[in-house]
């Protein structure tokens, strides 16, 4: 089996986008309920990558199950909104990115 080589920036971009879908999903629903079926399109429009519908639904389900988001209905469709616990996780992520960026800039 031949291994597929990815340039470092390609690996980083994947890990920052597709592999961390939760941060985009929680960010979308900070201020208002978001219809679950709209999430892939909104992520593409706002963040420039298109996640799969199955993966998106799975991540939303886990976020709701663990108390980071709350299930709701919007115009009769499944929707969700980010809860305080999810907002706290987003703030931790922002702090980590800031600290990492500052450390890299010092080198």
N, C-alpha and C. Protein backbone atom coordinates (compact mmCIF):
# COMPACT_ATOMS: atom_id res chain seq x y z
N UNK A 1 0.83 -1.18 0.00
CA UNK A 1 0.00 0.00 0.00
C UNK A 1 0.88 1.25 0.00
N UNK A 2 0.62 2.14 -0.93
CA UNK A 2 1.39 3.37 -1.04
C UNK A 2 0.76 4.46 -0.19
N UNK A 3 1.58 5.13 0.60
CA UNK A 3 1.11 6.23 1.43
C UNK A 3 0.96 7.49 0.59
N UNK A 4 -0.09 8.24 0.87
CA UNK A 4 -0.32 9.49 0.17
C UNK A 4 0.36 10.60 0.95
N UNK A 5 1.22 11.34 0.27
CA UNK A 5 1.92 12.46 0.91
C UNK A 5 1.07 13.73 0.80
N UNK A 6 0.95 14.42 1.88
CA UNK A 6 0.30 15.74 1.89
C UNK A 6 1.32 16.75 2.41
N UNK A 7 1.35 17.88 1.75
CA UNK A 7 2.22 18.97 2.20
C UNK A 7 1.79 19.39 3.60
N UNK A 8 2.71 19.88 4.41
CA UNK A 8 2.35 20.30 5.77
C UNK A 8 1.15 21.24 5.84
N UNK A 9 1.07 22.21 4.93
CA UNK A 9 -0.05 23.16 4.98
C UNK A 9 -1.37 22.46 4.68
N UNK A 10 -1.35 21.46 3.80
CA UNK A 10 -2.57 20.71 3.50
C UNK A 10 -3.05 19.93 4.72
N UNK A 11 -2.13 19.31 5.42
CA UNK A 11 -2.47 18.58 6.65
C UNK A 11 -3.01 19.53 7.71
N UNK A 12 -2.36 20.69 7.85
CA UNK A 12 -2.80 21.67 8.83
C UNK A 12 -4.19 22.18 8.51
N UNK A 13 -4.43 22.49 7.24
CA UNK A 13 -5.75 23.00 6.84
C UNK A 13 -6.83 21.97 7.13
N UNK A 14 -6.58 20.69 6.83
CA UNK A 14 -7.56 19.64 7.10
C UNK A 14 -7.83 19.52 8.60
N UNK A 15 -6.76 19.55 9.39
CA UNK A 15 -6.95 19.41 10.84
C UNK A 15 -7.67 20.62 11.43
N UNK A 16 -7.50 21.77 10.81
CA UNK A 16 -8.14 22.99 11.31
C UNK A 16 -9.57 23.14 10.81
N UNK A 17 -9.94 22.43 9.77
CA UNK A 17 -11.29 22.55 9.21
C UNK A 17 -12.08 21.26 9.45
N UNK A 18 -11.94 20.29 8.58
CA UNK A 18 -12.74 19.07 8.63
C UNK A 18 -12.59 18.30 9.94
N UNK A 19 -11.38 18.26 10.47
CA UNK A 19 -11.14 17.48 11.69
C UNK A 19 -11.59 18.18 12.96
N UNK A 20 -11.96 19.44 12.85
CA UNK A 20 -12.45 20.21 13.99
C UNK A 20 -13.75 20.92 13.65
N UNK A 21 -14.64 20.17 13.07
CA UNK A 21 -15.92 20.69 12.60
C UNK A 21 -16.73 21.32 13.72
N UNK A 22 -16.55 20.84 14.94
CA UNK A 22 -17.33 21.32 16.07
C UNK A 22 -17.22 22.83 16.24
N UNK A 23 -16.03 23.39 16.01
CA UNK A 23 -15.89 24.83 16.28
C UNK A 23 -16.67 25.66 15.27
N UNK A 24 -16.81 25.20 14.05
CA UNK A 24 -17.60 25.91 13.05
C UNK A 24 -19.10 25.76 13.33
N UNK A 25 -19.48 24.58 13.74
CA UNK A 25 -20.89 24.31 14.04
C UNK A 25 -21.35 25.14 15.24
N UNK A 26 -20.56 25.16 16.30
CA UNK A 26 -20.92 25.96 17.46
C UNK A 26 -20.89 27.46 17.15
N UNK A 27 -19.94 27.90 16.35
CA UNK A 27 -19.83 29.31 15.99
C UNK A 27 -21.05 29.80 15.23
N UNK A 28 -21.57 28.98 14.35
CA UNK A 28 -22.74 29.38 13.56
C UNK A 28 -23.95 29.68 14.43
N UNK A 29 -24.09 28.97 15.53
CA UNK A 29 -25.30 29.08 16.35
C UNK A 29 -25.08 29.84 17.65
N UNK A 30 -24.12 30.74 17.67
CA UNK A 30 -23.86 31.53 18.88
C UNK A 30 -25.00 32.47 19.22
N UNK A 31 -25.58 33.10 18.21
CA UNK A 31 -26.57 34.15 18.46
C UNK A 31 -27.98 33.79 18.05
N UNK A 32 -28.13 32.75 17.23
CA UNK A 32 -29.46 32.36 16.78
C UNK A 32 -29.50 30.87 16.45
N UNK A 33 -30.71 30.33 16.46
CA UNK A 33 -30.89 28.93 16.07
C UNK A 33 -30.53 28.76 14.61
N UNK A 34 -29.95 27.63 14.30
CA UNK A 34 -29.56 27.31 12.93
C UNK A 34 -30.24 26.01 12.54
N UNK A 35 -30.86 25.98 11.38
CA UNK A 35 -31.44 24.74 10.86
C UNK A 35 -30.30 23.79 10.49
N UNK A 36 -30.39 22.57 10.98
CA UNK A 36 -29.32 21.61 10.77
C UNK A 36 -29.04 21.37 9.29
N UNK A 37 -30.08 21.36 8.47
CA UNK A 37 -29.87 21.07 7.05
C UNK A 37 -29.09 22.18 6.35
N UNK A 38 -29.05 23.37 6.94
CA UNK A 38 -28.33 24.50 6.34
C UNK A 38 -26.85 24.55 6.71
N UNK A 39 -26.44 23.76 7.67
CA UNK A 39 -25.09 23.87 8.21
C UNK A 39 -23.99 23.66 7.17
N UNK A 40 -24.01 22.60 6.36
CA UNK A 40 -22.93 22.46 5.37
C UNK A 40 -22.81 23.67 4.44
N UNK A 41 -23.94 24.17 3.96
CA UNK A 41 -23.93 25.33 3.07
C UNK A 41 -23.38 26.57 3.78
N UNK A 42 -23.82 26.79 5.02
CA UNK A 42 -23.34 27.96 5.77
C UNK A 42 -21.85 27.88 6.05
N UNK A 43 -21.36 26.68 6.36
CA UNK A 43 -19.92 26.51 6.59
C UNK A 43 -19.16 26.83 5.30
N UNK A 44 -19.67 26.36 4.18
CA UNK A 44 -19.01 26.65 2.90
C UNK A 44 -19.01 28.15 2.63
N UNK A 45 -20.14 28.80 2.83
CA UNK A 45 -20.24 30.24 2.56
C UNK A 45 -19.37 31.08 3.49
N UNK A 46 -19.33 30.71 4.76
CA UNK A 46 -18.62 31.54 5.74
C UNK A 46 -17.16 31.16 5.94
N UNK A 47 -16.85 29.85 5.77
CA UNK A 47 -15.50 29.39 6.10
C UNK A 47 -14.74 28.75 4.94
N UNK A 48 -15.41 28.54 3.81
CA UNK A 48 -14.71 28.11 2.60
C UNK A 48 -14.44 26.63 2.42
N UNK A 49 -15.11 25.78 3.17
CA UNK A 49 -14.99 24.34 2.93
C UNK A 49 -16.35 23.70 3.12
N UNK A 50 -16.55 22.57 2.46
CA UNK A 50 -17.87 21.93 2.47
C UNK A 50 -17.79 20.58 3.19
N UNK A 51 -18.31 20.52 4.43
CA UNK A 51 -18.32 19.24 5.15
C UNK A 51 -19.46 18.35 4.65
N UNK A 52 -19.31 17.07 4.86
CA UNK A 52 -20.36 16.13 4.48
C UNK A 52 -21.57 16.25 5.40
N UNK A 53 -22.74 15.97 4.85
CA UNK A 53 -23.98 16.07 5.64
C UNK A 53 -24.00 15.05 6.77
N UNK A 54 -23.54 13.82 6.50
CA UNK A 54 -23.55 12.78 7.53
C UNK A 54 -22.65 13.18 8.70
N UNK A 55 -21.43 13.61 8.39
CA UNK A 55 -20.48 14.00 9.44
C UNK A 55 -21.00 15.19 10.22
N UNK A 56 -21.57 16.15 9.51
CA UNK A 56 -22.13 17.34 10.16
C UNK A 56 -23.23 16.93 11.14
N UNK A 57 -24.15 16.09 10.69
CA UNK A 57 -25.24 15.64 11.56
C UNK A 57 -24.73 14.89 12.77
N UNK A 58 -23.72 14.08 12.55
CA UNK A 58 -23.14 13.31 13.66
C UNK A 58 -22.51 14.23 14.70
N UNK A 59 -21.76 15.22 14.23
CA UNK A 59 -21.11 16.16 15.16
C UNK A 59 -22.17 16.97 15.92
N UNK A 60 -23.20 17.43 15.23
CA UNK A 60 -24.27 18.17 15.91
C UNK A 60 -24.92 17.29 16.98
N UNK A 61 -25.16 16.03 16.65
CA UNK A 61 -25.75 15.10 17.61
C UNK A 61 -24.90 14.94 18.86
N UNK A 62 -23.61 14.81 18.67
CA UNK A 62 -22.69 14.67 19.81
C UNK A 62 -22.67 15.95 20.64
N UNK A 63 -22.63 17.11 19.98
CA UNK A 63 -22.62 18.38 20.70
C UNK A 63 -23.88 18.56 21.54
N UNK A 64 -25.02 18.14 21.00
CA UNK A 64 -26.28 18.22 21.76
C UNK A 64 -26.25 17.21 22.92
N UNK A 65 -25.81 16.01 22.65
CA UNK A 65 -25.77 14.96 23.67
C UNK A 65 -24.88 15.35 24.85
N UNK A 66 -23.78 16.04 24.56
CA UNK A 66 -22.81 16.41 25.61
C UNK A 66 -23.09 17.76 26.25
N UNK A 67 -24.16 18.43 25.83
CA UNK A 67 -24.56 19.68 26.47
C UNK A 67 -23.91 20.94 25.94
N UNK A 68 -23.29 20.87 24.76
CA UNK A 68 -22.67 22.05 24.16
C UNK A 68 -23.66 22.82 23.29
N UNK A 69 -24.70 22.13 22.85
CA UNK A 69 -25.74 22.73 22.02
C UNK A 69 -27.08 22.15 22.45
N UNK A 70 -28.15 22.85 22.09
CA UNK A 70 -29.49 22.42 22.47
C UNK A 70 -30.32 22.19 21.21
N UNK A 71 -31.02 21.07 21.19
CA UNK A 71 -31.91 20.76 20.08
C UNK A 71 -33.13 21.67 20.13
N UNK A 72 -33.61 22.02 18.95
CA UNK A 72 -34.79 22.87 18.87
C UNK A 72 -35.46 22.63 17.52
N UNK A 73 -36.52 23.36 17.28
CA UNK A 73 -37.22 23.33 15.99
C UNK A 73 -37.32 24.75 15.50
N UNK A 74 -37.06 24.94 14.23
CA UNK A 74 -37.18 26.25 13.60
C UNK A 74 -37.96 26.07 12.31
N UNK A 75 -39.12 26.65 12.26
CA UNK A 75 -40.00 26.52 11.11
C UNK A 75 -40.27 25.04 10.80
N UNK A 76 -40.43 24.26 11.88
CA UNK A 76 -40.74 22.85 11.75
C UNK A 76 -39.56 21.96 11.37
N UNK A 77 -38.35 22.52 11.33
CA UNK A 77 -37.17 21.75 10.96
C UNK A 77 -36.24 21.62 12.16
N UNK A 78 -35.44 20.53 12.16
CA UNK A 78 -34.45 20.35 13.22
C UNK A 78 -33.49 21.53 13.23
N UNK A 79 -33.26 22.06 14.41
CA UNK A 79 -32.32 23.16 14.55
C UNK A 79 -31.57 23.00 15.87
N UNK A 80 -30.61 23.87 16.10
CA UNK A 80 -29.85 23.84 17.35
C UNK A 80 -29.34 25.23 17.64
N UNK A 81 -28.97 25.44 18.89
CA UNK A 81 -28.34 26.69 19.32
C UNK A 81 -27.24 26.34 20.31
N UNK A 82 -26.17 27.12 20.29
CA UNK A 82 -25.03 26.89 21.17
C UNK A 82 -25.38 27.30 22.59
N UNK A 83 -25.07 26.43 23.54
CA UNK A 83 -25.30 26.71 24.96
C UNK A 83 -24.05 27.31 25.60
N UNK A 84 -24.17 27.73 26.84
CA UNK A 84 -23.05 28.35 27.56
C UNK A 84 -21.82 27.43 27.58
N UNK A 85 -22.03 26.15 27.77
CA UNK A 85 -20.92 25.19 27.79
C UNK A 85 -20.19 25.20 26.44
N UNK A 86 -20.92 25.31 25.34
CA UNK A 86 -20.31 25.40 24.02
C UNK A 86 -19.57 26.70 23.82
N UNK A 87 -20.12 27.79 24.34
CA UNK A 87 -19.46 29.09 24.25
C UNK A 87 -18.13 29.08 25.01
N UNK A 88 -18.12 28.40 26.15
CA UNK A 88 -16.89 28.29 26.93
C UNK A 88 -15.83 27.51 26.16
N UNK A 89 -16.23 26.45 25.46
CA UNK A 89 -15.27 25.67 24.66
C UNK A 89 -14.72 26.51 23.51
N UNK A 90 -15.57 27.29 22.88
CA UNK A 90 -15.10 28.17 21.81
C UNK A 90 -14.09 29.19 22.34
N UNK A 91 -14.34 29.73 23.52
CA UNK A 91 -13.40 30.69 24.10
C UNK A 91 -12.06 30.01 24.41
N UNK A 92 -12.09 28.79 24.92
CA UNK A 92 -10.85 28.04 25.17
C UNK A 92 -10.07 27.85 23.88
N UNK A 93 -10.80 27.54 22.78
CA UNK A 93 -10.16 27.35 21.49
C UNK A 93 -9.52 28.65 21.02
N UNK A 94 -10.25 29.76 21.15
CA UNK A 94 -9.69 31.06 20.75
C UNK A 94 -8.42 31.38 21.53
N UNK A 95 -8.46 31.12 22.84
CA UNK A 95 -7.28 31.37 23.68
C UNK A 95 -6.11 30.51 23.24
N UNK A 96 -6.36 29.26 22.95
CA UNK A 96 -5.30 28.35 22.51
C UNK A 96 -4.69 28.81 21.19
N UNK A 97 -5.53 29.20 20.25
CA UNK A 97 -5.01 29.69 18.96
C UNK A 97 -4.18 30.95 19.17
N UNK A 98 -4.65 31.85 20.01
CA UNK A 98 -3.91 33.09 20.28
C UNK A 98 -2.56 32.78 20.92
N UNK A 99 -2.55 31.92 21.93
CA UNK A 99 -1.31 31.56 22.61
C UNK A 99 -0.33 30.88 21.65
N UNK A 100 -0.84 30.00 20.82
CA UNK A 100 0.01 29.29 19.87
C UNK A 100 0.59 30.25 18.84
N UNK A 101 -0.24 31.14 18.32
CA UNK A 101 0.22 32.12 17.35
C UNK A 101 1.29 33.02 17.96
N UNK A 102 1.07 33.49 19.19
CA UNK A 102 2.05 34.34 19.86
C UNK A 102 3.36 33.60 20.08
N UNK A 103 3.29 32.34 20.46
CA UNK A 103 4.51 31.55 20.66
C UNK A 103 5.28 31.37 19.36
N UNK A 104 4.56 31.10 18.27
CA UNK A 104 5.22 30.93 16.96
C UNK A 104 5.82 32.22 16.47
N UNK A 105 5.21 33.35 16.78
CA UNK A 105 5.75 34.64 16.33
C UNK A 105 7.02 35.02 17.09
N UNK A 106 7.24 34.46 18.26
CA UNK A 106 8.43 34.76 19.07
C UNK A 106 9.67 34.03 18.57
N UNK A 107 9.47 33.04 17.74
CA UNK A 107 10.61 32.23 17.28
C UNK A 107 11.39 32.99 16.23
